Amino acid sequence: TESVAAPYELPAGWKWCRLGDVAKFERGITFPAS
């Protein structure tokens, strides 16, 4: 949760984080149009 600015107040127990902290991103495959 470091260096995360809070845009609004959250309920007790909630935390601000970044999407990269809670999810992973898998890129799709590449191939020629043909």
Full PDB file with SEQRES, HELIX, SHEET, SSBOND, CRYST1, ORIGX, SCALE, CONECT and MASTER records, all heavy atoms in Angstrom:
SEQRES   1 A   34  THR GLU SER VAL ALA ALA PRO TYR GLU LEU PRO ALA GLY          
SEQRES   2 A   34  TRP LYS TRP CYS ARG LEU GLY ASP VAL ALA LYS PHE GLU          
SEQRES   3 A   34  ARG GLY ILE THR PHE PRO ALA SER                              
HELIX    1 AA1 LEU A   19  VAL A   22  1                                   4    
CRYST1    1.000    1.000    1.000  90.00  90.00  90.00 P 1           1          
ORIGX1      1.000000  0.000000  0.000000        0.00000                         
ORIGX2      0.000000  1.000000  0.000000        0.00000                         
ORIGX3      0.000000  0.000000  1.000000        0.00000                         
SCALE1      1.000000  0.000000  0.000000        0.00000                         
SCALE2      0.000000  1.000000  0.000000        0.00000                         
SCALE3      0.000000  0.000000  1.000000        0.00000                         
ATOM      1  N   THR A   1       0.811  -1.213   0.000  1.00  0.00           N  
ATOM      2  CA  THR A   1       0.000   0.000   0.000  1.00  0.00           C  
ATOM      3  C   THR A   1       0.844   1.262   0.000  1.00  0.00           C  
ATOM      4  O   THR A   1       0.312   2.360   0.113  1.00  0.00           O  
ATOM      5  CB  THR A   1      -0.913   0.024   1.260  1.00  0.00           C  
ATOM      6  OG1 THR A   1      -0.090  -0.047   2.424  1.00  0.00           O  
ATOM      7  CG2 THR A   1      -1.900  -1.128   1.241  1.00  0.00           C  
ATOM      8  N   GLU A   2       2.175   1.127  -0.146  1.00  0.00           N  
ATOM      9  CA  GLU A   2       3.002   2.312  -0.081  1.00  0.00           C  
ATOM     10  C   GLU A   2       2.786   3.220  -1.297  1.00  0.00           C  
ATOM     11  O   GLU A   2       2.528   2.767  -2.391  1.00  0.00           O  
ATOM     12  CB  GLU A   2       4.490   1.935   0.021  1.00  0.00           C  
ATOM     13  CG  GLU A   2       5.040   1.173  -1.168  1.00  0.00           C  
ATOM     14  CD  GLU A   2       4.892  -0.320  -1.019  1.00  0.00           C  
ATOM     15  OE1 GLU A   2       4.029  -0.749  -0.231  1.00  0.00           O  
ATOM     16  OE2 GLU A   2       5.631  -1.053  -1.702  1.00  0.00           O  
ATOM     17  N   SER A   3       2.900   4.532  -1.070  1.00  0.00           N  
ATOM     18  CA  SER A   3       2.837   5.547  -2.118  1.00  0.00           C  
ATOM     19  C   SER A   3       1.516   5.534  -2.890  1.00  0.00           C  
ATOM     20  O   SER A   3       1.469   5.813  -4.081  1.00  0.00           O  
ATOM     21  CB  SER A   3       4.003   5.375  -3.120  1.00  0.00           C  
ATOM     22  OG  SER A   3       5.231   5.425  -2.437  1.00  0.00           O  
ATOM     23  N   VAL A   4       0.452   5.187  -2.215  1.00  0.00           N  
ATOM     24  CA  VAL A   4      -0.862   5.193  -2.863  1.00  0.00           C  
ATOM     25  C   VAL A   4      -1.671   6.346  -2.283  1.00  0.00           C  
ATOM     26  O   VAL A   4      -2.014   6.347  -1.107  1.00  0.00           O  
ATOM     27  CB  VAL A   4      -1.605   3.860  -2.645  1.00  0.00           C  
ATOM     28  CG1 VAL A   4      -2.985   3.927  -3.274  1.00  0.00           C  
ATOM     29  CG2 VAL A   4      -0.805   2.707  -3.231  1.00  0.00           C  
ATOM     30  N   ALA A   5      -1.980   7.338  -3.136  1.00  0.00           N  
ATOM     31  CA  ALA A   5      -2.785   8.471  -2.691  1.00  0.00           C  
ATOM     32  C   ALA A   5      -4.247   8.049  -2.603  1.00  0.00           C  
ATOM     33  O   ALA A   5      -4.752   7.330  -3.453  1.00  0.00           O  
ATOM     34  CB  ALA A   5      -2.626   9.637  -3.657  1.00  0.00           C  
ATOM     35  N   ALA A   6      -4.931   8.500  -1.557  1.00  0.00           N  
ATOM     36  CA  ALA A   6      -6.324   8.127  -1.343  1.00  0.00           C  
ATOM     37  C   ALA A   6      -7.250   9.174  -1.960  1.00  0.00           C  
ATOM     38  O   ALA A   6      -7.289  10.308  -1.490  1.00  0.00           O  
ATOM     39  CB  ALA A   6      -6.606   7.996   0.153  1.00  0.00           C  
ATOM     40  N   PRO A   7      -8.007   8.833  -3.016  1.00  0.00           N  
ATOM     41  CA  PRO A   7      -8.904   9.816  -3.628  1.00  0.00           C  
ATOM     42  C   PRO A   7     -10.151  10.100  -2.803  1.00  0.00           C  
ATOM     43  O   PRO A   7     -10.768  11.149  -2.942  1.00  0.00           O  
ATOM     44  CB  PRO A   7      -9.274   9.165  -4.972  1.00  0.00           C  
ATOM     45  CG  PRO A   7      -9.065   7.710  -4.764  1.00  0.00           C  
ATOM     46  CD  PRO A   7      -7.949   7.582  -3.788  1.00  0.00           C  
ATOM     47  N   TYR A   8     -10.540   9.148  -1.954  1.00  0.00           N  
ATOM     48  CA  TYR A   8     -11.671   9.380  -1.048  1.00  0.00           C  
ATOM     49  C   TYR A   8     -11.523   8.425   0.139  1.00  0.00           C  
ATOM     50  O   TYR A   8     -10.746   7.468   0.111  1.00  0.00           O  
ATOM     51  CB  TYR A   8     -13.022   9.197  -1.747  1.00  0.00           C  
ATOM     52  CG  TYR A   8     -13.208   7.885  -2.476  1.00  0.00           C  
ATOM     53  CD1 TYR A   8     -13.600   6.725  -1.804  1.00  0.00           C  
ATOM     54  CD2 TYR A   8     -13.013   7.807  -3.849  1.00  0.00           C  
ATOM     55  CE1 TYR A   8     -13.778   5.535  -2.469  1.00  0.00           C  
ATOM     56  CE2 TYR A   8     -13.194   6.616  -4.546  1.00  0.00           C  
ATOM     57  CZ  TYR A   8     -13.577   5.480  -3.844  1.00  0.00           C  
ATOM     58  OH  TYR A   8     -13.757   4.305  -4.523  1.00  0.00           O  
ATOM     59  N   GLU A   9     -12.281   8.694   1.186  1.00  0.00           N  
ATOM     60  CA  GLU A   9     -12.164   7.921   2.418  1.00  0.00           C  
ATOM     61  C   GLU A   9     -12.857   6.576   2.260  1.00  0.00           C  
ATOM     62  O   GLU A   9     -13.965   6.480   1.737  1.00  0.00           O  
ATOM     63  CB  GLU A   9     -12.777   8.686   3.585  1.00  0.00           C  
ATOM     64  CG  GLU A   9     -12.579   8.015   4.935  1.00  0.00           C  
ATOM     65  CD  GLU A   9     -13.117   8.847   6.089  1.00  0.00           C  
ATOM     66  OE1 GLU A   9     -13.485  10.009   5.837  1.00  0.00           O  
ATOM     67  OE2 GLU A   9     -13.183   8.322   7.216  1.00  0.00           O  
ATOM     68  N   LEU A  10     -12.202   5.531   2.732  1.00  0.00           N  
ATOM     69  CA  LEU A  10     -12.745   4.183   2.653  1.00  0.00           C  
ATOM     70  C   LEU A  10     -13.296   3.742   4.009  1.00  0.00           C  
ATOM     71  O   LEU A  10     -12.915   4.286   5.056  1.00  0.00           O  
ATOM     72  CB  LEU A  10     -11.652   3.207   2.226  1.00  0.00           C  
ATOM     73  CG  LEU A  10     -11.129   3.343   0.790  1.00  0.00           C  
ATOM     74  CD1 LEU A  10      -9.958   2.387   0.582  1.00  0.00           C  
ATOM     75  CD2 LEU A  10     -12.237   3.047  -0.217  1.00  0.00           C  
ATOM     76  N   PRO A  11     -14.181   2.754   4.032  1.00  0.00           N  
ATOM     77  CA  PRO A  11     -14.653   2.213   5.307  1.00  0.00           C  
ATOM     78  C   PRO A  11     -13.499   1.599   6.106  1.00  0.00           C  
ATOM     79  O   PRO A  11     -12.450   1.273   5.553  1.00  0.00           O  
ATOM     80  CB  PRO A  11     -15.650   1.128   4.873  1.00  0.00           C  
ATOM     81  CG  PRO A  11     -16.052   1.497   3.485  1.00  0.00           C  
ATOM     82  CD  PRO A  11     -14.858   2.143   2.877  1.00  0.00           C  
ATOM     83  N   ALA A  12     -13.717   1.438   7.380  1.00  0.00           N  
ATOM     84  CA  ALA A  12     -12.694   0.860   8.252  1.00  0.00           C  
ATOM     85  C   ALA A  12     -12.298  -0.527   7.752  1.00  0.00           C  
ATOM     86  O   ALA A  12     -13.159  -1.346   7.398  1.00  0.00           O  
ATOM     87  CB  ALA A  12     -13.225   0.763   9.686  1.00  0.00           C  
ATOM     88  N   GLY A  13     -11.005  -0.767   7.713  1.00  0.00           N  
ATOM     89  CA  GLY A  13     -10.485  -2.061   7.294  1.00  0.00           C  
ATOM     90  C   GLY A  13     -10.155  -2.144   5.813  1.00  0.00           C  
ATOM     91  O   GLY A  13      -9.413  -3.032   5.388  1.00  0.00           O  
ATOM     92  N   TRP A  14     -10.740  -1.243   4.994  1.00  0.00           N  
ATOM     93  CA  TRP A  14     -10.420  -1.231   3.560  1.00  0.00           C  
ATOM     94  C   TRP A  14      -9.048  -0.591   3.362  1.00  0.00           C  
ATOM     95  O   TRP A  14      -8.590   0.215   4.182  1.00  0.00           O  
ATOM     96  CB  TRP A  14     -11.460  -0.444   2.782  1.00  0.00           C  
ATOM     97  CG  TRP A  14     -12.809  -1.100   2.634  1.00  0.00           C  
ATOM     98  CD1 TRP A  14     -13.501  -1.769   3.603  1.00  0.00           C  
ATOM     99  CD2 TRP A  14     -13.613  -1.119   1.454  1.00  0.00           C  
ATOM    100  NE1 TRP A  14     -14.689  -2.208   3.109  1.00  0.00           N  
ATOM    101  CE2 TRP A  14     -14.800  -1.826   1.782  1.00  0.00           C  
ATOM    102  CE3 TRP A  14     -13.471  -0.621   0.171  1.00  0.00           C  
ATOM    103  CZ2 TRP A  14     -15.825  -2.033   0.868  1.00  0.00           C  
ATOM    104  CZ3 TRP A  14     -14.483  -0.826  -0.750  1.00  0.00           C  
ATOM    105  CH2 TRP A  14     -15.652  -1.531  -0.407  1.00  0.00           C  
ATOM    106  N   LYS A  15      -8.400  -0.918   2.252  1.00  0.00           N  
ATOM    107  CA  LYS A  15      -7.089  -0.355   1.950  1.00  0.00           C  
ATOM    108  C   LYS A  15      -7.021   0.072   0.483  1.00  0.00           C  
ATOM    109  O   LYS A  15      -7.660  -0.531  -0.378  1.00  0.00           O  
ATOM    110  CB  LYS A  15      -5.979  -1.391   2.213  1.00  0.00           C  
ATOM    111  CG  LYS A  15      -5.851  -1.812   3.663  1.00  0.00           C  
ATOM    112  CD  LYS A  15      -4.749  -2.851   3.822  1.00  0.00           C  
ATOM    113  CE  LYS A  15      -4.614  -3.283   5.279  1.00  0.00           C  
ATOM    114  NZ  LYS A  15      -3.565  -4.309   5.453  1.00  0.00           N  
ATOM    115  N   TRP A  16      -6.248   1.116   0.259  1.00  0.00           N  
ATOM    116  CA  TRP A  16      -5.925   1.493  -1.119  1.00  0.00           C  
ATOM    117  C   TRP A  16      -4.678   0.740  -1.554  1.00  0.00           C  
ATOM    118  O   TRP A  16      -3.699   0.661  -0.820  1.00  0.00           O  
ATOM    119  CB  TRP A  16      -5.661   2.997  -1.226  1.00  0.00           C  
ATOM    120  CG  TRP A  16      -6.901   3.832  -1.137  1.00  0.00           C  
ATOM    121  CD1 TRP A  16      -7.290   4.627  -0.114  1.00  0.00           C  
ATOM    122  CD2 TRP A  16      -7.916   3.947  -2.130  1.00  0.00           C  
ATOM    123  NE1 TRP A  16      -8.483   5.226  -0.379  1.00  0.00           N  
ATOM    124  CE2 TRP A  16      -8.896   4.833  -1.624  1.00  0.00           C  
ATOM    125  CE3 TRP A  16      -8.101   3.392  -3.392  1.00  0.00           C  
ATOM    126  CZ2 TRP A  16     -10.038   5.174  -2.348  1.00  0.00           C  
ATOM    127  CZ3 TRP A  16      -9.232   3.727  -4.103  1.00  0.00           C  
ATOM    128  CH2 TRP A  16     -10.187   4.610  -3.588  1.00  0.00           C  
ATOM    129  N   CYS A  17      -4.741   0.171  -2.744  1.00  0.00           N  
ATOM    130  CA  CYS A  17      -3.566  -0.494  -3.303  1.00  0.00           C  
ATOM    131  C   CYS A  17      -3.550  -0.239  -4.810  1.00  0.00           C  
ATOM    132  O   CYS A  17      -4.326   0.567  -5.317  1.00  0.00           O  
ATOM    133  CB  CYS A  17      -3.591  -1.998  -2.997  1.00  0.00           C  
ATOM    134  SG  CYS A  17      -5.050  -2.826  -3.642  1.00  0.00           S  
ATOM    135  N   ARG A  18      -2.684  -0.896  -5.504  1.00  0.00           N  
ATOM    136  CA  ARG A  18      -2.625  -0.758  -6.963  1.00  0.00           C  
ATOM    137  C   ARG A  18      -3.033  -2.075  -7.595  1.00  0.00           C  
ATOM    138  O   ARG A  18      -2.851  -3.146  -7.011  1.00  0.00           O  
ATOM    139  CB  ARG A  18      -1.213  -0.361  -7.405  1.00  0.00           C  
ATOM    140  CG  ARG A  18      -0.754   0.969  -6.800  1.00  0.00           C  
ATOM    141  CD  ARG A  18       0.611   1.385  -7.323  1.00  0.00           C  
ATOM    142  NE  ARG A  18       1.089   2.550  -6.612  1.00  0.00           N  
ATOM    143  CZ  ARG A  18       0.737   3.810  -6.888  1.00  0.00           C  
ATOM    144  NH1 ARG A  18      -0.108   4.044  -7.896  1.00  0.00           N  
ATOM    145  NH2 ARG A  18       1.207   4.813  -6.185  1.00  0.00           N  
ATOM    146  N   LEU A  19      -3.593  -1.975  -8.815  1.00  0.00           N  
ATOM    147  CA  LEU A  19      -4.042  -3.192  -9.480  1.00  0.00           C  
ATOM    148  C   LEU A  19      -2.905  -4.193  -9.632  1.00  0.00           C  
ATOM    149  O   LEU A  19      -3.114  -5.407  -9.529  1.00  0.00           O  
ATOM    150  CB  LEU A  19      -4.613  -2.861 -10.868  1.00  0.00           C  
ATOM    151  CG  LEU A  19      -6.026  -2.281 -10.904  1.00  0.00           C  
ATOM    152  CD1 LEU A  19      -6.468  -2.093 -12.352  1.00  0.00           C  
ATOM    153  CD2 LEU A  19      -7.013  -3.197 -10.185  1.00  0.00           C  
ATOM    154  N   GLY A  20      -1.699  -3.701  -9.868  1.00  0.00           N  
ATOM    155  CA  GLY A  20      -0.566  -4.606 -10.019  1.00  0.00           C  
ATOM    156  C   GLY A  20      -0.250  -5.386  -8.761  1.00  0.00           C  
ATOM    157  O   GLY A  20       0.423  -6.419  -8.822  1.00  0.00           O  
ATOM    158  N   ASP A  21      -0.725  -4.887  -7.597  1.00  0.00           N  
ATOM    159  CA  ASP A  21      -0.493  -5.590  -6.336  1.00  0.00           C  
ATOM    160  C   ASP A  21      -1.456  -6.757  -6.150  1.00  0.00           C  
ATOM    161  O   ASP A  21      -1.157  -7.704  -5.427  1.00  0.00           O  
ATOM    162  CB  ASP A  21      -0.656  -4.633  -5.152  1.00  0.00           C  
ATOM    163  CG  ASP A  21       0.342  -3.488  -5.198  1.00  0.00           C  
ATOM    164  OD1 ASP A  21       1.424  -3.679  -5.797  1.00  0.00           O  
ATOM    165  OD2 ASP A  21       0.028  -2.411  -4.649  1.00  0.00           O  
ATOM    166  N   VAL A  22      -2.623  -6.682  -6.763  1.00  0.00           N  
ATOM    167  CA  VAL A  22      -3.665  -7.692  -6.505  1.00  0.00           C  
ATOM    168  C   VAL A  22      -3.972  -8.549  -7.730  1.00  0.00           C  
ATOM    169  O   VAL A  22      -4.756  -9.499  -7.633  1.00  0.00           O  
ATOM    170  CB  VAL A  22      -4.971  -7.021  -6.014  1.00  0.00           C  
ATOM    171  CG1 VAL A  22      -4.748  -6.300  -4.705  1.00  0.00           C  
ATOM    172  CG2 VAL A  22      -5.542  -6.087  -7.072  1.00  0.00           C  
ATOM    173  N   ALA A  23      -3.385  -8.229  -8.890  1.00  0.00           N  
ATOM    174  CA  ALA A  23      -3.704  -8.987 -10.096  1.00  0.00           C  
ATOM    175  C   ALA A  23      -2.468  -9.107 -10.979  1.00  0.00           C  
ATOM    176  O   ALA A  23      -1.533  -8.311 -10.895  1.00  0.00           O  
ATOM    177  CB  ALA A  23      -4.839  -8.302 -10.861  1.00  0.00           C  
ATOM    178  N   LYS A  24      -2.452 -10.117 -11.807  1.00  0.00           N  
ATOM    179  CA  LYS A  24      -1.392 -10.255 -12.797  1.00  0.00           C  
ATOM    180  C   LYS A  24      -2.014 -10.166 -14.186  1.00  0.00           C  
ATOM    181  O   LYS A  24      -3.187 -10.492 -14.388  1.00  0.00           O  
ATOM    182  CB  LYS A  24      -0.634 -11.561 -12.620  1.00  0.00           C  
ATOM    183  CG  LYS A  24      -1.480 -12.827 -12.705  1.00  0.00           C  
ATOM    184  CD  LYS A  24      -0.614 -14.056 -12.476  1.00  0.00           C  
ATOM    185  CE  LYS A  24      -1.456 -15.331 -12.533  1.00  0.00           C  
ATOM    186  NZ  LYS A  24      -0.633 -16.544 -12.323  1.00  0.00           N  
ATOM    187  N   PHE A  25      -1.219  -9.723 -15.140  1.00  0.00           N  
ATOM    188  CA  PHE A  25      -1.711  -9.459 -16.489  1.00  0.00           C  
ATOM    189  C   PHE A  25      -0.975 -10.355 -17.482  1.00  0.00           C  
ATOM    190  O   PHE A  25       0.260 -10.331 -17.564  1.00  0.00           O  
ATOM    191  CB  PHE A  25      -1.485  -7.992 -16.865  1.00  0.00           C  
ATOM    192  CG  PHE A  25      -1.974  -7.039 -15.813  1.00  0.00           C  
ATOM    193  CD1 PHE A  25      -1.077  -6.353 -14.998  1.00  0.00           C  
ATOM    194  CD2 PHE A  25      -3.326  -6.829 -15.611  1.00  0.00           C  
ATOM    195  CE1 PHE A  25      -1.518  -5.490 -14.014  1.00  0.00           C  
ATOM    196  CE2 PHE A  25      -3.776  -5.963 -14.637  1.00  0.00           C  
ATOM    197  CZ  PHE A  25      -2.877  -5.289 -13.831  1.00  0.00           C  
ATOM    198  N   GLU A  26      -1.726 -11.127 -18.221  1.00  0.00           N  
ATOM    199  CA  GLU A  26      -1.159 -12.029 -19.214  1.00  0.00           C  
ATOM    200  C   GLU A  26      -1.474 -11.487 -20.607  1.00  0.00           C  
ATOM    201  O   GLU A  26      -2.629 -11.288 -20.971  1.00  0.00           O  
ATOM    202  CB  GLU A  26      -1.744 -13.437 -19.065  1.00  0.00           C  
ATOM    203  CG  GLU A  26      -1.087 -14.480 -19.933  1.00  0.00           C  
ATOM    204  CD  GLU A  26       0.353 -14.765 -19.506  1.00  0.00           C  
ATOM    205  OE1 GLU A  26       0.622 -14.759 -18.275  1.00  0.00           O  
ATOM    206  OE2 GLU A  26       1.187 -14.990 -20.405  1.00  0.00           O  
ATOM    207  N   ARG A  27      -0.407 -11.233 -21.367  1.00  0.00           N  
ATOM    208  CA  ARG A  27      -0.592 -10.709 -22.720  1.00  0.00           C  
ATOM    209  C   ARG A  27      -1.033 -11.824 -23.663  1.00  0.00           C  
ATOM    210  O   ARG A  27      -0.654 -12.988 -23.513  1.00  0.00           O  
ATOM    211  CB  ARG A  27       0.723 -10.109 -23.244  1.00  0.00           C  
ATOM    212  CG  ARG A  27       1.208  -8.902 -22.468  1.00  0.00           C  
ATOM    213  CD  ARG A  27       2.523  -8.408 -23.060  1.00  0.00           C  
ATOM    214  NE  ARG A  27       3.082  -7.313 -22.295  1.00  0.00           N  
ATOM    215  CZ  ARG A  27       2.767  -6.034 -22.470  1.00  0.00           C  
ATOM    216  NH1 ARG A  27       1.865  -5.714 -23.400  1.00  0.00           N  
ATOM    217  NH2 ARG A  27       3.325  -5.090 -21.740  1.00  0.00           N  
ATOM    218  N   GLY A  28      -1.800 -11.426 -24.696  1.00  0.00           N  
ATOM    219  CA  GLY A  28      -2.247 -12.392 -25.687  1.00  0.00           C  
ATOM    220  C   GLY A  28      -1.149 -12.750 -26.669  1.00  0.00           C  
ATOM    221  O   GLY A  28      -0.099 -12.105 -26.734  1.00  0.00           O  
ATOM    222  N   ILE A  29      -1.383 -13.786 -27.440  1.00  0.00           N  
ATOM    223  CA  ILE A  29      -0.402 -14.248 -28.415  1.00  0.00           C  
ATOM    224  C   ILE A  29      -0.405 -13.333 -29.644  1.00  0.00           C  
ATOM    225  O   ILE A  29      -1.394 -12.659 -29.924  1.00  0.00           O  
ATOM    226  CB  ILE A  29      -0.680 -15.703 -28.855  1.00  0.00           C  
ATOM    227  CG1 ILE A  29      -2.023 -15.794 -29.593  1.00  0.00           C  
ATOM    228  CG2 ILE A  29      -0.665 -16.633 -27.649  1.00  0.00           C  
ATOM    229  CD1 ILE A  29      -2.283 -17.151 -30.212  1.00  0.00           C  
ATOM    230  N   THR A  30       0.683 -13.296 -30.342  1.00  0.00           N  
ATOM    231  CA  THR A  30       0.779 -12.506 -31.566  1.00  0.00           C  
ATOM    232  C   THR A  30       0.950 -13.438 -32.757  1.00  0.00           C  
ATOM    233  O   THR A  30       1.560 -14.507 -32.642  1.00  0.00           O  
ATOM    234  CB  THR A  30       1.960 -11.521 -31.513  1.00  0.00           C  
ATOM    235  OG1 THR A  30       3.176 -12.249 -31.291  1.00  0.00           O  
ATOM    236  CG2 THR A  30       1.758 -10.514 -30.387  1.00  0.00           C  
ATOM    237  N   PHE A  31       0.396 -13.015 -33.886  1.00  0.00           N  
ATOM    238  CA  PHE A  31       0.479 -13.813 -35.106  1.00  0.00           C  
ATOM    239  C   PHE A  31       0.167 -12.896 -36.283  1.00  0.00           C  
ATOM    240  O   PHE A  31      -0.514 -11.869 -36.123  1.00  0.00           O  
ATOM    241  CB  PHE A  31      -0.513 -14.985 -35.061  1.00  0.00           C  
ATOM    242  CG  PHE A  31      -1.907 -14.574 -34.679  1.00  0.00           C  
ATOM    243  CD1 PHE A  31      -2.824 -14.145 -35.638  1.00  0.00           C  
ATOM    244  CD2 PHE A  31      -2.310 -14.599 -33.344  1.00  0.00           C  
ATOM    245  CE1 PHE A  31      -4.098 -13.764 -35.286  1.00  0.00           C  
ATOM    246  CE2 PHE A  31      -3.596 -14.213 -32.979  1.00  0.00           C  
ATOM    247  CZ  PHE A  31      -4.491 -13.791 -33.952  1.00  0.00           C  
ATOM    248  N   PRO A  32       0.651 -13.214 -37.475  1.00  0.00           N  
ATOM    249  CA  PRO A  32       0.357 -12.372 -38.638  1.00  0.00           C  
ATOM    250  C   PRO A  32      -1.102 -12.538 -39.069  1.00  0.00           C  
ATOM    251  O   PRO A  32      -1.729 -13.571 -38.800  1.00  0.00           O  
ATOM    252  CB  PRO A  32       1.309 -12.906 -39.715  1.00  0.00           C  
ATOM    253  CG  PRO A  32       1.575 -14.312 -39.311  1.00  0.00           C  
ATOM    254  CD  PRO A  32       1.557 -14.325 -37.810  1.00  0.00           C  
ATOM    255  N   ALA A  33      -1.630 -11.535 -39.740  1.00  0.00           N  
ATOM    256  CA  ALA A  33      -3.020 -11.587 -40.204  1.00  0.00           C  
ATOM    257  C   ALA A  33      -3.248 -12.782 -41.121  1.00  0.00           C  
ATOM    258  O   ALA A  33      -4.341 -13.371 -41.136  1.00  0.00           O  
ATOM    259  CB  ALA A  33      -3.370 -10.288 -40.925  1.00  0.00           C  
ATOM    260  N   SER A  34      -2.215 -13.162 -41.852  1.00  0.00           N  
ATOM    261  CA  SER A  34      -2.350 -14.286 -42.783  1.00  0.00           C  
ATOM    262  C   SER A  34      -2.539 -15.622 -42.068  1.00  0.00           C  
ATOM    263  O   SER A  34      -2.924 -16.622 -42.690  1.00  0.00           O  
ATOM    264  CB  SER A  34      -1.112 -14.365 -43.687  1.00  0.00           C  
ATOM    265  OG  SER A  34       0.066 -14.533 -42.904  1.00  0.00           O  
TER     266      SER A  34                                                      
MASTER        0    0    0    1    0    0    0    6  265    1    0    3          
END                                                                             
